[in-house]
Amino acid sequence: MRSFTAGCGKAACTRNIVYRFTPHGQNQSVEGRLSLSTSHHDHEEYDYVMATNNVPILYDPRDPSRAMFFWRDQIANRASPRKMWDFILIINLIFAAAATPLGLMMAWSIRRQRAKARAAKATPA
């Protein structure tokens, strides 16, 4: 329906595209909005929409307002087992990076307290 520039940076501009579709078996149309990058490196989605005047979408048949741009089976790609394991690995690495200094600080503090306790026992009163 409509395309306009939402903003530009050094490497790219973002174009907002307003589209309308009529869900299968319904009479009322649904309007949606899509943001696409026009970067120098990755703009094939934008080029496709501009050349064909077609916005490939996937929508929930129970709630057609829940629609998203559907490009090259991106949902299946994002939900692949490899992506899931990569995400779990990243989360674990972040946790390990945050927990390691805390564990070291706790161990150092316990060692200091034990050394003070031994020194206090060794000193005659």
PDB file of N, CA and C in Angstrom:
ATOM      1  N   MET A   1       0.808  -1.196   0.000  1.00  0.00           N
ATOM      2  CA  MET A   1       0.000   0.000   0.000  1.00  0.00           C
ATOM      3  C   MET A   1       0.851   1.261   0.000  1.00  0.00           C
ATOM      4  N   ARG A   2       1.867   1.270   0.918  1.00  0.00           N
ATOM      5  CA  ARG A   2       2.629   2.501   1.081  1.00  0.00           C
ATOM      6  C   ARG A   2       4.032   2.150   1.560  1.00  0.00           C
ATOM      7  N   SER A   3       5.001   2.918   1.130  1.00  0.00           N
ATOM      8  CA  SER A   3       6.386   2.721   1.525  1.00  0.00           C
ATOM      9  C   SER A   3       6.987   4.079   1.859  1.00  0.00           C
ATOM     10  N   PHE A   4       7.707   4.143   2.998  1.00  0.00           N
ATOM     11  CA  PHE A   4       8.341   5.407   3.364  1.00  0.00           C
ATOM     12  C   PHE A   4       9.589   5.129   4.191  1.00  0.00           C
ATOM     13  N   THR A   5      10.517   6.088   4.158  1.00  0.00           N
ATOM     14  CA  THR A   5      11.763   5.952   4.904  1.00  0.00           C
ATOM     15  C   THR A   5      11.510   6.255   6.368  1.00  0.00           C
ATOM     16  N   ALA A   6      11.910   5.314   7.225  1.00  0.00           N
ATOM     17  CA  ALA A   6      11.725   5.479   8.665  1.00  0.00           C
ATOM     18  C   ALA A   6      12.939   6.143   9.300  1.00  0.00           C
ATOM     19  N   GLY A   7      14.109   5.944   8.718  1.00  0.00           N
ATOM     20  CA  GLY A   7      15.325   6.524   9.255  1.00  0.00           C
ATOM     21  C   GLY A   7      16.528   6.009   8.505  1.00  0.00           C
ATOM     22  N   CYS A   8      17.621   6.781   8.566  1.00  0.00           N
ATOM     23  CA  CYS A   8      18.845   6.384   7.876  1.00  0.00           C
ATOM     24  C   CYS A   8      20.038   6.526   8.808  1.00  0.00           C
ATOM     25  N   GLY A   9      20.999   5.638   8.619  1.00  0.00           N
ATOM     26  CA  GLY A   9      22.251   5.688   9.349  1.00  0.00           C
ATOM     27  C   GLY A   9      23.398   5.733   8.361  1.00  0.00           C
ATOM     28  N   LYS A  10      24.601   5.439   8.828  1.00  0.00           N
ATOM     29  CA  LYS A  10      25.765   5.473   7.949  1.00  0.00           C
ATOM     30  C   LYS A  10      25.728   4.372   6.896  1.00  0.00           C
ATOM     31  N   ALA A  11      25.275   3.164   7.288  1.00  0.00           N
ATOM     32  CA  ALA A  11      25.350   2.022   6.379  1.00  0.00           C
ATOM     33  C   ALA A  11      24.050   1.719   5.653  1.00  0.00           C
ATOM     34  N   ALA A  12      22.934   2.210   6.164  1.00  0.00           N
ATOM     35  CA  ALA A  12      21.661   1.803   5.554  1.00  0.00           C
ATOM     36  C   ALA A  12      20.533   2.727   5.960  1.00  0.00           C
ATOM     37  N   CYS A  13      19.448   2.558   5.257  1.00  0.00           N
ATOM     38  CA  CYS A  13      18.196   3.206   5.624  1.00  0.00           C
ATOM     39  C   CYS A  13      17.195   2.113   5.968  1.00  0.00           C
ATOM     40  N   THR A  14      16.218   2.469   6.760  1.00  0.00           N
ATOM     41  CA  THR A  14      15.142   1.544   7.077  1.00  0.00           C
ATOM     42  C   THR A  14      13.882   2.064   6.422  1.00  0.00           C
ATOM     43  N   ARG A  15      13.257   1.186   5.646  1.00  0.00           N
ATOM     44  CA  ARG A  15      12.015   1.531   4.971  1.00  0.00           C
ATOM     45  C   ARG A  15      10.870   0.819   5.671  1.00  0.00           C
ATOM     46  N   ASN A  16       9.831   1.559   5.968  1.00  0.00           N
ATOM     47  CA  ASN A  16       8.611   0.960   6.486  1.00  0.00           C
ATOM     48  C   ASN A  16       7.663   0.743   5.324  1.00  0.00           C
ATOM     49  N   ILE A  17       7.079  -0.418   5.289  1.00  0.00           N
ATOM     50  CA  ILE A  17       6.131  -0.760   4.241  1.00  0.00           C
ATOM     51  C   ILE A  17       4.822  -1.124   4.914  1.00  0.00           C
ATOM     52  N   VAL A  18       3.769  -0.434   4.538  1.00  0.00           N
ATOM     53  CA  VAL A  18       2.445  -0.740   5.053  1.00  0.00           C
ATOM     54  C   VAL A  18       1.755  -1.611   4.008  1.00  0.00           C
ATOM     55  N   TYR A  19       1.261  -2.764   4.433  1.00  0.00           N
ATOM     56  CA  TYR A  19       0.632  -3.696   3.496  1.00  0.00           C
ATOM     57  C   TYR A  19      -0.761  -4.067   4.005  1.00  0.00           C
ATOM     58  N   ARG A  20      -1.548  -4.608   3.115  1.00  0.00           N
ATOM     59  CA  ARG A  20      -2.899  -5.053   3.453  1.00  0.00           C
ATOM     60  C   ARG A  20      -3.129  -6.410   2.791  1.00  0.00           C
ATOM     61  N   PHE A  21      -3.768  -7.308   3.539  1.00  0.00           N
ATOM     62  CA  PHE A  21      -4.100  -8.612   2.978  1.00  0.00           C
ATOM     63  C   PHE A  21      -5.452  -9.063   3.507  1.00  0.00           C
ATOM     64  N   THR A  22      -6.069  -9.948   2.775  1.00  0.00           N
ATOM     65  CA  THR A  22      -7.338 -10.530   3.193  1.00  0.00           C
ATOM     66  C   THR A  22      -7.087 -11.999   3.507  1.00  0.00           C
ATOM     67  N   PRO A  23      -7.255 -12.383   4.771  1.00  0.00           N
ATOM     68  CA  PRO A  23      -7.018 -13.778   5.156  1.00  0.00           C
ATOM     69  C   PRO A  23      -7.935 -14.731   4.395  1.00  0.00           C
ATOM     70  N   HIS A  24      -7.446 -15.919   4.171  1.00  0.00           N
ATOM     71  CA  HIS A  24      -8.182 -16.951   3.451  1.00  0.00           C
ATOM     72  C   HIS A  24      -9.518 -17.227   4.150  1.00  0.00           C
ATOM     73  N   GLY A  25     -10.584 -17.154   3.397  1.00  0.00           N
ATOM     74  CA  GLY A  25     -11.912 -17.445   3.919  1.00  0.00           C
ATOM     75  C   GLY A  25     -12.574 -16.300   4.670  1.00  0.00           C
ATOM     76  N   GLN A  26     -11.959 -15.104   4.644  1.00  0.00           N
ATOM     77  CA  GLN A  26     -12.548 -13.957   5.334  1.00  0.00           C
ATOM     78  C   GLN A  26     -12.811 -12.844   4.335  1.00  0.00           C
ATOM     79  N   ASN A  27     -13.673 -11.924   4.728  1.00  0.00           N
ATOM     80  CA  ASN A  27     -13.997 -10.784   3.869  1.00  0.00           C
ATOM     81  C   ASN A  27     -13.297  -9.508   4.306  1.00  0.00           C
ATOM     82  N   GLN A  28     -12.903  -9.443   5.557  1.00  0.00           N
ATOM     83  CA  GLN A  28     -12.294  -8.228   6.089  1.00  0.00           C
ATOM     84  C   GLN A  28     -10.778  -8.275   5.926  1.00  0.00           C
ATOM     85  N   SER A  29     -10.208  -7.191   5.436  1.00  0.00           N
ATOM     86  CA  SER A  29      -8.756  -7.150   5.235  1.00  0.00           C
ATOM     87  C   SER A  29      -8.056  -6.727   6.522  1.00  0.00           C
ATOM     88  N   VAL A  30      -6.786  -7.092   6.602  1.00  0.00           N
ATOM     89  CA  VAL A  30      -5.941  -6.782   7.755  1.00  0.00           C
ATOM     90  C   VAL A  30      -4.770  -5.954   7.254  1.00  0.00           C
ATOM     91  N   GLU A  31      -4.411  -4.931   8.013  1.00  0.00           N
ATOM     92  CA  GLU A  31      -3.289  -4.071   7.638  1.00  0.00           C
ATOM     93  C   GLU A  31      -2.113  -4.340   8.559  1.00  0.00           C
ATOM     94  N   GLY A  32      -0.929  -4.359   7.993  1.00  0.00           N
ATOM     95  CA  GLY A  32       0.272  -4.588   8.785  1.00  0.00           C
ATOM     96  C   GLY A  32       1.389  -3.652   8.368  1.00  0.00           C
ATOM     97  N   ARG A  33       2.466  -3.655   9.140  1.00  0.00           N
ATOM     98  CA  ARG A  33       3.616  -2.794   8.864  1.00  0.00           C
ATOM     99  C   ARG A  33       4.880  -3.638   8.952  1.00  0.00           C
ATOM    100  N   LEU A  34       5.804  -3.332   8.080  1.00  0.00           N
ATOM    101  CA  LEU A  34       7.032  -4.090   7.962  1.00  0.00           C
ATOM    102  C   LEU A  34       8.200  -3.119   7.858  1.00  0.00           C
ATOM    103  N   SER A  35       9.282  -3.414   8.544  1.00  0.00           N
ATOM    104  CA  SER A  35      10.503  -2.605   8.452  1.00  0.00           C
ATOM    105  C   SER A  35      11.571  -3.417   7.736  1.00  0.00           C
ATOM    106  N   LEU A  36      12.115  -2.860   6.670  1.00  0.00           N
ATOM    107  CA  LEU A  36      13.159  -3.532   5.906  1.00  0.00           C
ATOM    108  C   LEU A  36      14.375  -2.627   5.770  1.00  0.00           C
ATOM    109  N   SER A  37      15.545  -3.235   5.801  1.00  0.00           N
ATOM    110  CA  SER A  37      16.784  -2.490   5.662  1.00  0.00           C
ATOM    111  C   SER A  37      17.153  -2.371   4.188  1.00  0.00           C
ATOM    112  N   THR A  38      17.697  -1.239   3.821  1.00  0.00           N
ATOM    113  CA  THR A  38      18.194  -1.043   2.460  1.00  0.00           C
ATOM    114  C   THR A  38      19.719  -0.918   2.492  1.00  0.00           C
ATOM    115  N   SER A  39      20.355  -1.734   3.350  1.00  0.00           N
ATOM    116  CA  SER A  39      21.807  -1.653   3.481  1.00  0.00           C
ATOM    117  C   SER A  39      22.471  -2.074   2.172  1.00  0.00           C
ATOM    118  N   HIS A  40      23.735  -1.716   2.063  1.00  0.00           N
ATOM    119  CA  HIS A  40      24.491  -2.043   0.850  1.00  0.00           C
ATOM    120  C   HIS A  40      24.781  -3.537   0.758  1.00  0.00           C
ATOM    121  N   HIS A  41      24.778  -4.228   1.897  1.00  0.00           N
ATOM    122  CA  HIS A  41      25.153  -5.639   1.912  1.00  0.00           C
ATOM    123  C   HIS A  41      23.962  -6.588   1.852  1.00  0.00           C
ATOM    124  N   ASP A  42      22.854  -6.233   2.461  1.00  0.00           N
ATOM    125  CA  ASP A  42      21.753  -7.165   2.601  1.00  0.00           C
ATOM    126  C   ASP A  42      20.424  -6.452   2.343  1.00  0.00           C
ATOM    127  N   HIS A  43      20.037  -6.413   1.092  1.00  0.00           N
ATOM    128  CA  HIS A  43      18.793  -5.711   0.776  1.00  0.00           C
ATOM    129  C   HIS A  43      17.920  -6.500  -0.193  1.00  0.00           C
ATOM    130  N   GLU A  44      18.160  -7.800  -0.304  1.00  0.00           N
ATOM    131  CA  GLU A  44      17.387  -8.582  -1.261  1.00  0.00           C
ATOM    132  C   GLU A  44      15.910  -8.634  -0.905  1.00  0.00           C
ATOM    133  N   GLU A  45      15.576  -8.605   0.387  1.00  0.00           N
ATOM    134  CA  GLU A  45      14.169  -8.604   0.793  1.00  0.00           C
ATOM    135  C   GLU A  45      13.489  -7.330   0.292  1.00  0.00           C
ATOM    136  N   TYR A  46      14.156  -6.209   0.523  1.00  0.00           N
ATOM    137  CA  TYR A  46      13.613  -4.923   0.084  1.00  0.00           C
ATOM    138  C   TYR A  46      13.467  -4.894  -1.439  1.00  0.00           C
ATOM    139  N   ASP A  47      14.495  -5.351  -2.140  1.00  0.00           N
ATOM    140  CA  ASP A  47      14.445  -5.371  -3.608  1.00  0.00           C
ATOM    141  C   ASP A  47      13.286  -6.225  -4.116  1.00  0.00           C
ATOM    142  N   TYR A  48      13.066  -7.368  -3.471  1.00  0.00           N
ATOM    143  CA  TYR A  48      11.973  -8.245  -3.878  1.00  0.00           C
ATOM    144  C   TYR A  48      10.626  -7.542  -3.718  1.00  0.00           C
ATOM    145  N   VAL A  49      10.415  -6.914  -2.570  1.00  0.00           N
ATOM    146  CA  VAL A  49       9.140  -6.235  -2.309  1.00  0.00           C
ATOM    147  C   VAL A  49       8.939  -5.093  -3.298  1.00  0.00           C
ATOM    148  N   MET A  50       9.984  -4.318  -3.571  1.00  0.00           N
ATOM    149  CA  MET A  50       9.854  -3.188  -4.479  1.00  0.00           C
ATOM    150  C   MET A  50       9.643  -3.651  -5.928  1.00  0.00           C
ATOM    151  N   ALA A  51      10.316  -4.723  -6.336  1.00  0.00           N
ATOM    152  CA  ALA A  51      10.211  -5.188  -7.727  1.00  0.00           C
ATOM    153  C   ALA A  51       8.880  -5.880  -8.014  1.00  0.00           C
ATOM    154  N   THR A  52       8.385  -6.650  -7.045  1.00  0.00           N
ATOM    155  CA  THR A  52       7.170  -7.426  -7.289  1.00  0.00           C
ATOM    156  C   THR A  52       5.911  -6.778  -6.724  1.00  0.00           C
ATOM    157  N   ASN A  53       6.096  -5.764  -5.872  1.00  0.00           N
ATOM    158  CA  ASN A  53       4.972  -5.120  -5.187  1.00  0.00           C
ATOM    159  C   ASN A  53       4.162  -6.167  -4.416  1.00  0.00           C
ATOM    160  N   ASN A  54       4.891  -7.119  -3.853  1.00  0.00           N
ATOM    161  CA  ASN A  54       4.294  -8.219  -3.121  1.00  0.00           C
ATOM    162  C   ASN A  54       5.048  -8.386  -1.804  1.00  0.00           C
ATOM    163  N   VAL A  55       4.315  -8.540  -0.690  1.00  0.00           N
ATOM    164  CA  VAL A  55       4.925  -8.743   0.617  1.00  0.00           C
ATOM    165  C   VAL A  55       4.588 -10.159   1.076  1.00  0.00           C
ATOM    166  N   PRO A  56       5.568 -11.075   1.044  1.00  0.00           N
ATOM    167  CA  PRO A  56       5.267 -12.433   1.502  1.00  0.00           C
ATOM    168  C   PRO A  56       5.127 -12.450   3.025  1.00  0.00           C
ATOM    169  N   ILE A  57       3.965 -12.874   3.504  1.00  0.00           N
ATOM    170  CA  ILE A  57       3.723 -12.890   4.942  1.00  0.00           C
ATOM    171  C   ILE A  57       3.225 -14.259   5.369  1.00  0.00           C
ATOM    172  N   LEU A  58       3.348 -14.504   6.645  1.00  0.00           N
ATOM    173  CA  LEU A  58       2.794 -15.690   7.282  1.00  0.00           C
ATOM    174  C   LEU A  58       1.943 -15.163   8.428  1.00  0.00           C
ATOM    175  N   TYR A  59       0.706 -15.622   8.509  1.00  0.00           N
ATOM    176  CA  TYR A  59      -0.166 -15.128   9.570  1.00  0.00           C
ATOM    177  C   TYR A  59      -0.824 -16.277  10.311  1.00  0.00           C
ATOM    178  N   ASP A  60      -1.268 -15.991  11.516  1.00  0.00           N
ATOM    179  CA  ASP A  60      -1.972 -16.956  12.347  1.00  0.00           C
ATOM    180  C   ASP A  60      -3.433 -16.972  11.910  1.00  0.00           C
ATOM    181  N   PRO A  61      -3.947 -18.101  11.429  1.00  0.00           N
ATOM    182  CA  PRO A  61      -5.340 -18.134  10.954  1.00  0.00           C
ATOM    183  C   PRO A  61      -6.358 -17.794  12.041  1.00  0.00           C
ATOM    184  N   ARG A  62      -6.011 -18.058  13.316  1.00  0.00           N
ATOM    185  CA  ARG A  62      -6.938 -17.727  14.405  1.00  0.00           C
ATOM    186  C   ARG A  62      -6.910 -16.245  14.737  1.00  0.00           C
ATOM    187  N   ASP A  63      -5.783 -15.590  14.454  1.00  0.00           N
ATOM    188  CA  ASP A  63      -5.640 -14.153  14.722  1.00  0.00           C
ATOM    189  C   ASP A  63      -4.805 -13.537  13.600  1.00  0.00           C
ATOM    190  N   PRO A  64      -5.427 -13.189  12.474  1.00  0.00           N
ATOM    191  CA  PRO A  64      -4.681 -12.691  11.318  1.00  0.00           C
ATOM    192  C   PRO A  64      -3.884 -11.410  11.579  1.00  0.00           C
ATOM    193  N   SER A  65      -4.173 -10.707  12.676  1.00  0.00           N
ATOM    194  CA  SER A  65      -3.370  -9.512  12.973  1.00  0.00           C
ATOM    195  C   SER A  65      -1.956  -9.916  13.403  1.00  0.00           C
ATOM    196  N   ARG A  66      -1.772 -11.170  13.784  1.00  0.00           N
ATOM    197  CA  ARG A  66      -0.437 -11.688  14.110  1.00  0.00           C
ATOM    198  C   ARG A  66       0.197 -12.196  12.819  1.00  0.00           C
ATOM    199  N   ALA A  67       0.842 -11.306  12.114  1.00  0.00           N
ATOM    200  CA  ALA A  67       1.464 -11.644  10.838  1.00  0.00           C
ATOM    201  C   ALA A  67       2.908 -11.159  10.853  1.00  0.00           C
ATOM    202  N   MET A  68       3.741 -11.848  10.081  1.00  0.00           N
ATOM    203  CA  MET A  68       5.136 -11.436   9.985  1.00  0.00           C
ATOM    204  C   MET A  68       5.633 -11.640   8.564  1.00  0.00           C
ATOM    205  N   PHE A  69       6.661 -10.906   8.227  1.00  0.00           N
ATOM    206  CA  PHE A  69       7.316 -11.040   6.925  1.00  0.00           C
ATOM    207  C   PHE A  69       7.901 -12.436   6.841  1.00  0.00           C
ATOM    208  N   PHE A  70       7.631 -13.149   5.792  1.00  0.00           N
ATOM    209  CA  PHE A  70       8.065 -14.538   5.653  1.00  0.00           C
ATOM    210  C   PHE A  70       9.042 -14.631   4.489  1.00  0.00           C
ATOM    211  N   TRP A  71      10.310 -14.687   4.827  1.00  0.00           N
ATOM    212  CA  TRP A  71      11.348 -14.676   3.798  1.00  0.00           C
ATOM    213  C   TRP A  71      12.192 -15.933   3.912  1.00  0.00           C
ATOM    214  N   ARG A  72      12.202 -16.733   2.866  1.00  0.00           N
ATOM    215  CA  ARG A  72      13.044 -17.926   2.759  1.00  0.00           C
ATOM    216  C   ARG A  72      12.943 -18.849   3.980  1.00  0.00           C
ATOM    217  N   ASP A  73      11.730 -19.112   4.386  1.00  0.00           N
ATOM    218  CA  ASP A  73      11.466 -20.037   5.482  1.00  0.00           C
ATOM    219  C   ASP A  73      12.249 -19.670   6.740  1.00  0.00           C
ATOM    220  N   GLN A  74      12.291 -18.374   7.057  1.00  0.00           N
ATOM    221  CA  GLN A  74      13.082 -17.903   8.189  1.00  0.00           C
ATOM    222  C   GLN A  74      12.612 -18.449   9.530  1.00  0.00           C
ATOM    223  N   ILE A  75      11.338 -18.793   9.646  1.00  0.00           N
ATOM    224  CA  ILE A  75      10.856 -19.335  10.914  1.00  0.00           C
ATOM    225  C   ILE A  75      11.497 -20.698  11.157  1.00  0.00           C
ATOM    226  N   ALA A  76      11.500 -21.556  10.159  1.00  0.00           N
ATOM    227  CA  ALA A  76      12.125 -22.873  10.306  1.00  0.00           C
ATOM    228  C   ALA A  76      13.622 -22.724  10.561  1.00  0.00           C
ATOM    229  N   ASN A  77      14.255 -21.766   9.913  1.00  0.00           N
ATOM    230  CA  ASN A  77      15.689 -21.550  10.135  1.00  0.00           C
ATOM    231  C   ASN A  77      15.970 -21.091  11.555  1.00  0.00           C
ATOM    232  N   ARG A  78      15.138 -20.209  12.086  1.00  0.00           N
ATOM    233  CA  ARG A  78      15.332 -19.704  13.450  1.00  0.00           C
ATOM    234  C   ARG A  78      15.012 -20.764  14.489  1.00  0.00           C
ATOM    235  N   ALA A  79      14.112 -21.687  14.157  1.00  0.00           N
ATOM    236  CA  ALA A  79      13.686 -22.703  15.107  1.00  0.00           C
ATOM    237  C   ALA A  79      14.438 -24.017  14.938  1.00  0.00           C
ATOM    238  N   SER A  80      15.496 -24.015  14.177  1.00  0.00           N
ATOM    239  CA  SER A  80      16.230 -25.260  13.940  1.00  0.00           C
ATOM    240  C   SER A  80      16.944 -25.706  15.218  1.00  0.00           C
ATOM    241  N   PRO A  81      17.198 -27.011  15.360  1.00  0.00           N
ATOM    242  CA  PRO A  81      17.912 -27.503  16.549  1.00  0.00           C
ATOM    243  C   PRO A  81      19.297 -26.872  16.688  1.00  0.00           C
ATOM    244  N   ARG A  82      19.956 -26.624  15.574  1.00  0.00           N
ATOM    245  CA  ARG A  82      21.293 -25.999  15.648  1.00  0.00           C
ATOM    246  C   ARG A  82      21.206 -24.617  16.270  1.00  0.00           C
ATOM    247  N   LYS A  83      20.229 -23.831  15.853  1.00  0.00           N
ATOM    248  CA  LYS A  83      20.065 -22.488  16.430  1.00  0.00           C
ATOM    249  C   LYS A  83      19.767 -22.590  17.920  1.00  0.00           C
ATOM    250  N   MET A  84      18.939 -23.571  18.311  1.00  0.00           N
ATOM    251  CA  MET A  84      18.604 -23.735  19.721  1.00  0.00           C
ATOM    252  C   MET A  84      19.857 -24.062  20.533  1.00  0.00           C
ATOM    253  N   TRP A  85      20.683 -25.006  20.052  1.00  0.00           N
ATOM    254  CA  TRP A  85      21.887 -25.372  20.783  1.00  0.00           C
ATOM    255  C   TRP A  85      22.894 -24.224  20.807  1.00  0.00           C
ATOM    256  N   ASP A  86      22.965 -23.467  19.718  1.00  0.00           N
ATOM    257  CA  ASP A  86      23.837 -22.287  19.708  1.00  0.00           C
ATOM    258  C   ASP A  86      23.391 -21.294  20.771  1.00  0.00           C
ATOM    259  N   PHE A  87      22.084 -21.073  20.875  1.00  0.00           N
ATOM    260  CA  PHE A  87      21.548 -20.150  21.878  1.00  0.00           C
ATOM    261  C   PHE A  87      21.861 -20.652  23.291  1.00  0.00           C
ATOM    262  N   ILE A  88      21.660 -21.953  23.546  1.00  0.00           N
ATOM    263  CA  ILE A  88      21.945 -22.512  24.870  1.00  0.00           C
ATOM    264  C   ILE A  88      23.425 -22.371  25.195  1.00  0.00           C
ATOM    265  N   LEU A  89      24.288 -22.616  24.214  1.00  0.00           N
ATOM    266  CA  LEU A  89      25.726 -22.470  24.422  1.00  0.00           C
ATOM    267  C   LEU A  89      26.084 -21.026  24.778  1.00  0.00           C
ATOM    268  N   ILE A  90      25.519 -20.078  24.058  1.00  0.00           N
ATOM    269  CA  ILE A  90      25.805 -18.661  24.321  1.00  0.00           C
ATOM    270  C   ILE A  90      25.357 -18.279  25.723  1.00  0.00           C
ATOM    271  N   ILE A  91      24.161 -18.705  26.119  1.00  0.00           N
ATOM    272  CA  ILE A  91      23.666 -18.394  27.467  1.00  0.00           C
ATOM    273  C   ILE A  91      24.590 -18.984  28.520  1.00  0.00           C
ATOM    274  N   ASN A  92      25.032 -20.229  28.322  1.00  0.00           N
ATOM    275  CA  ASN A  92      25.939 -20.855  29.289  1.00  0.00           C
ATOM    276  C   ASN A  92      27.288 -20.142  29.349  1.00  0.00           C
ATOM    277  N   LEU A  93      27.789 -19.701  28.206  1.00  0.00           N
ATOM    278  CA  LEU A  93      29.057 -18.970  28.211  1.00  0.00           C
ATOM    279  C   LEU A  93      28.922 -17.639  28.953  1.00  0.00           C
ATOM    280  N   ILE A  94      27.810 -16.964  28.752  1.00  0.00           N
ATOM    281  CA  ILE A  94      27.582 -15.702  29.465  1.00  0.00           C
ATOM    282  C   ILE A  94      27.505 -15.961  30.964  1.00  0.00           C
ATOM    283  N   PHE A  95      26.779 -17.013  31.354  1.00  0.00           N
ATOM    284  CA  PHE A  95      26.675 -17.353  32.771  1.00  0.00           C
ATOM    285  C   PHE A  95      28.041 -17.681  33.353  1.00  0.00           C
ATOM    286  N   ALA A  96      28.827 -18.481  32.629  1.00  0.00           N
ATOM    287  CA  ALA A  96      30.159 -18.856  33.117  1.00  0.00           C
ATOM    288  C   ALA A  96      31.061 -17.628  33.247  1.00  0.00           C
ATOM    289  N   ALA A  97      30.964 -16.724  32.285  1.00  0.00           N
ATOM    290  CA  ALA A  97      31.784 -15.510  32.344  1.00  0.00           C
ATOM    291  C   ALA A  97      31.397 -14.641  33.531  1.00  0.00           C
ATOM    292  N   ALA A  98      30.117 -14.633  33.886  1.00  0.00           N
ATOM    293  CA  ALA A  98      29.678 -13.831  35.034  1.00  0.00           C
ATOM    294  C   ALA A  98      29.950 -14.553  36.350  1.00  0.00           C
ATOM    295  N   ALA A  99      29.810 -15.878  36.388  1.00  0.00           N
ATOM    296  CA  ALA A  99      29.948 -16.631  37.629  1.00  0.00           C
ATOM    297  C   ALA A  99      31.404 -16.861  38.029  1.00  0.00           C
ATOM    298  N   THR A 100      32.304 -16.963  37.072  1.00  0.00           N
ATOM    299  CA  THR A 100      33.708 -17.248  37.389  1.00  0.00           C
ATOM    300  C   THR A 100      34.331 -16.185  38.295  1.00  0.00           C
ATOM    301  N   PRO A 101      34.235 -14.898  37.987  1.00  0.00           N
ATOM    302  CA  PRO A 101      34.816 -13.903  38.895  1.00  0.00           C
ATOM    303  C   PRO A 101      34.165 -13.932  40.287  1.00  0.00           C
ATOM    304  N   LEU A 102      32.865 -14.166  40.331  1.00  0.00           N
ATOM    305  CA  LEU A 102      32.199 -14.232  41.637  1.00  0.00           C
ATOM    306  C   LEU A 102      32.709 -15.419  42.448  1.00  0.00           C
ATOM    307  N   GLY A 103      32.864 -16.568  41.807  1.00  0.00           N
ATOM    308  CA  GLY A 103      33.391 -17.739  42.497  1.00  0.00           C
ATOM    309  C   GLY A 103      34.806 -17.518  42.986  1.00  0.00           C
ATOM    310  N   LEU A 104      35.627 -16.885  42.165  1.00  0.00           N
ATOM    311  CA  LEU A 104      37.004 -16.595  42.577  1.00  0.00           C
ATOM    312  C   LEU A 104      37.047 -15.622  43.750  1.00  0.00           C
ATOM    313  N   MET A 105      36.192 -14.628  43.723  1.00  0.00           N
ATOM    314  CA  MET A 105      36.148 -13.657  44.830  1.00  0.00           C
ATOM    315  C   MET A 105      35.695 -14.334  46.122  1.00  0.00           C
ATOM    316  N   MET A 106      34.716 -15.231  46.021  1.00  0.00           N
ATOM    317  CA  MET A 106      34.254 -15.939  47.215  1.00  0.00           C
ATOM    318  C   MET A 106      35.361 -16.833  47.774  1.00  0.00           C
ATOM    319  N   ALA A 107      36.059 -17.556  46.894  1.00  0.00           N
ATOM    320  CA  ALA A 107      37.146 -18.432  47.343  1.00  0.00           C
ATOM    321  C   ALA A 107      38.255 -17.622  47.993  1.00  0.00           C
ATOM    322  N   TRP A 108      38.604 -16.500  47.426  1.00  0.00           N
ATOM    323  CA  TRP A 108      39.646 -15.627  47.988  1.00  0.00           C
ATOM    324  C   TRP A 108      39.220 -15.107  49.362  1.00  0.00           C
ATOM    325  N   SER A 109      37.951 -14.710  49.505  1.00  0.00           N
ATOM    326  CA  SER A 109      37.439 -14.198  50.774  1.00  0.00           C
ATOM    327  C   SER A 109      37.439 -15.291  51.847  1.00  0.00           C
ATOM    328  N   ILE A 110      37.042 -16.499  51.490  1.00  0.00           N
ATOM    329  CA  ILE A 110      37.034 -17.611  52.455  1.00  0.00           C
ATOM    330  C   ILE A 110      38.447 -17.928  52.904  1.00  0.00           C
ATOM    331  N   ARG A 111      39.394 -17.929  51.963  1.00  0.00           N
ATOM    332  CA  ARG A 111      40.793 -18.183  52.317  1.00  0.00           C
ATOM    333  C   ARG A 111      41.324 -17.136  53.291  1.00  0.00           C
ATOM    334  N   ARG A 112      40.990 -15.884  53.039  1.00  0.00           N
ATOM    335  CA  ARG A 112      41.437 -14.803  53.940  1.00  0.00           C
ATOM    336  C   ARG A 112      40.851 -14.980  55.329  1.00  0.00           C
ATOM    337  N   GLN A 113      39.562 -15.319  55.417  1.00  0.00           N
ATOM    338  CA  GLN A 113      38.919 -15.493  56.716  1.00  0.00           C
ATOM    339  C   GLN A 113      39.527 -16.671  57.475  1.00  0.00           C
ATOM    340  N   ARG A 114      39.820 -17.756  56.784  1.00  0.00           N
ATOM    341  CA  ARG A 114      40.445 -18.916  57.432  1.00  0.00           C
ATOM    342  C   ARG A 114      41.851 -18.584  57.919  1.00  0.00           C
ATOM    343  N   ALA A 115      42.581 -17.825  57.096  1.00  0.00           N
ATOM    344  CA  ALA A 115      43.936 -17.432  57.509  1.00  0.00           C
ATOM    345  C   ALA A 115      43.881 -16.553  58.747  1.00  0.00           C
ATOM    346  N   LYS A 116      42.927 -15.649  58.826  1.00  0.00           N
ATOM    347  CA  LYS A 116      42.775 -14.786  60.017  1.00  0.00           C
ATOM    348  C   LYS A 116      42.412 -15.630  61.240  1.00  0.00           C
ATOM    349  N   ALA A 117      41.536 -16.634  61.032  1.00  0.00           N
ATOM    350  CA  ALA A 117      41.128 -17.483  62.142  1.00  0.00           C
ATOM    351  C   ALA A 117      42.313 -18.295  62.651  1.00  0.00           C
ATOM    352  N   ARG A 118      43.154 -18.831  61.756  1.00  0.00           N
ATOM    353  CA  ARG A 118      44.346 -19.578  62.168  1.00  0.00           C
ATOM    354  C   ARG A 118      45.321 -18.688  62.897  1.00  0.00           C
ATOM    355  N   ALA A 119      45.487 -17.454  62.398  1.00  0.00           N
ATOM    356  CA  ALA A 119      46.411 -16.512  63.044  1.00  0.00           C
ATOM    357  C   ALA A 119      45.908 -16.150  64.445  1.00  0.00           C
ATOM    358  N   ALA A 120      44.604 -16.032  64.604  1.00  0.00           N
ATOM    359  CA  ALA A 120      44.037 -15.690  65.902  1.00  0.00           C
ATOM    360  C   ALA A 120      44.224 -16.848  66.891  1.00  0.00           C
ATOM    361  N   LYS A 121      44.141 -18.103  66.435  1.00  0.00           N
ATOM    362  CA  LYS A 121      44.315 -19.260  67.291  1.00  0.00           C
ATOM    363  C   LYS A 121      45.795 -19.421  67.686  1.00  0.00           C
ATOM    364  N   ALA A 122      46.688 -19.069  66.785  1.00  0.00           N
ATOM    365  CA  ALA A 122      48.125 -19.241  67.030  1.00  0.00           C
ATOM    366  C   ALA A 122      48.650 -18.186  67.988  1.00  0.00           C
ATOM    367  N   THR A 123      47.996 -17.060  68.118  1.00  0.00           N
ATOM    368  CA  THR A 123      48.455 -15.989  68.990  1.00  0.00           C
ATOM    369  C   THR A 123      47.994 -16.290  70.425  1.00  0.00           C
ATOM    370  N   PRO A 124      48.940 -16.389  71.386  1.00  0.00           N
ATOM    371  CA  PRO A 124      48.538 -16.641  72.775  1.00  0.00           C
ATOM    372  C   PRO A 124      47.825 -15.437  73.356  1.00  0.00           C
ATOM    373  N   ALA A 125      46.837 -15.718  74.146  1.00  0.00           N
ATOM    374  CA  ALA A 125      46.061 -14.641  74.756  1.00  0.00           C
ATOM    375  C   ALA A 125      46.525 -14.301  76.112  1.00  0.00           C
TER     376      ALA A 125
END
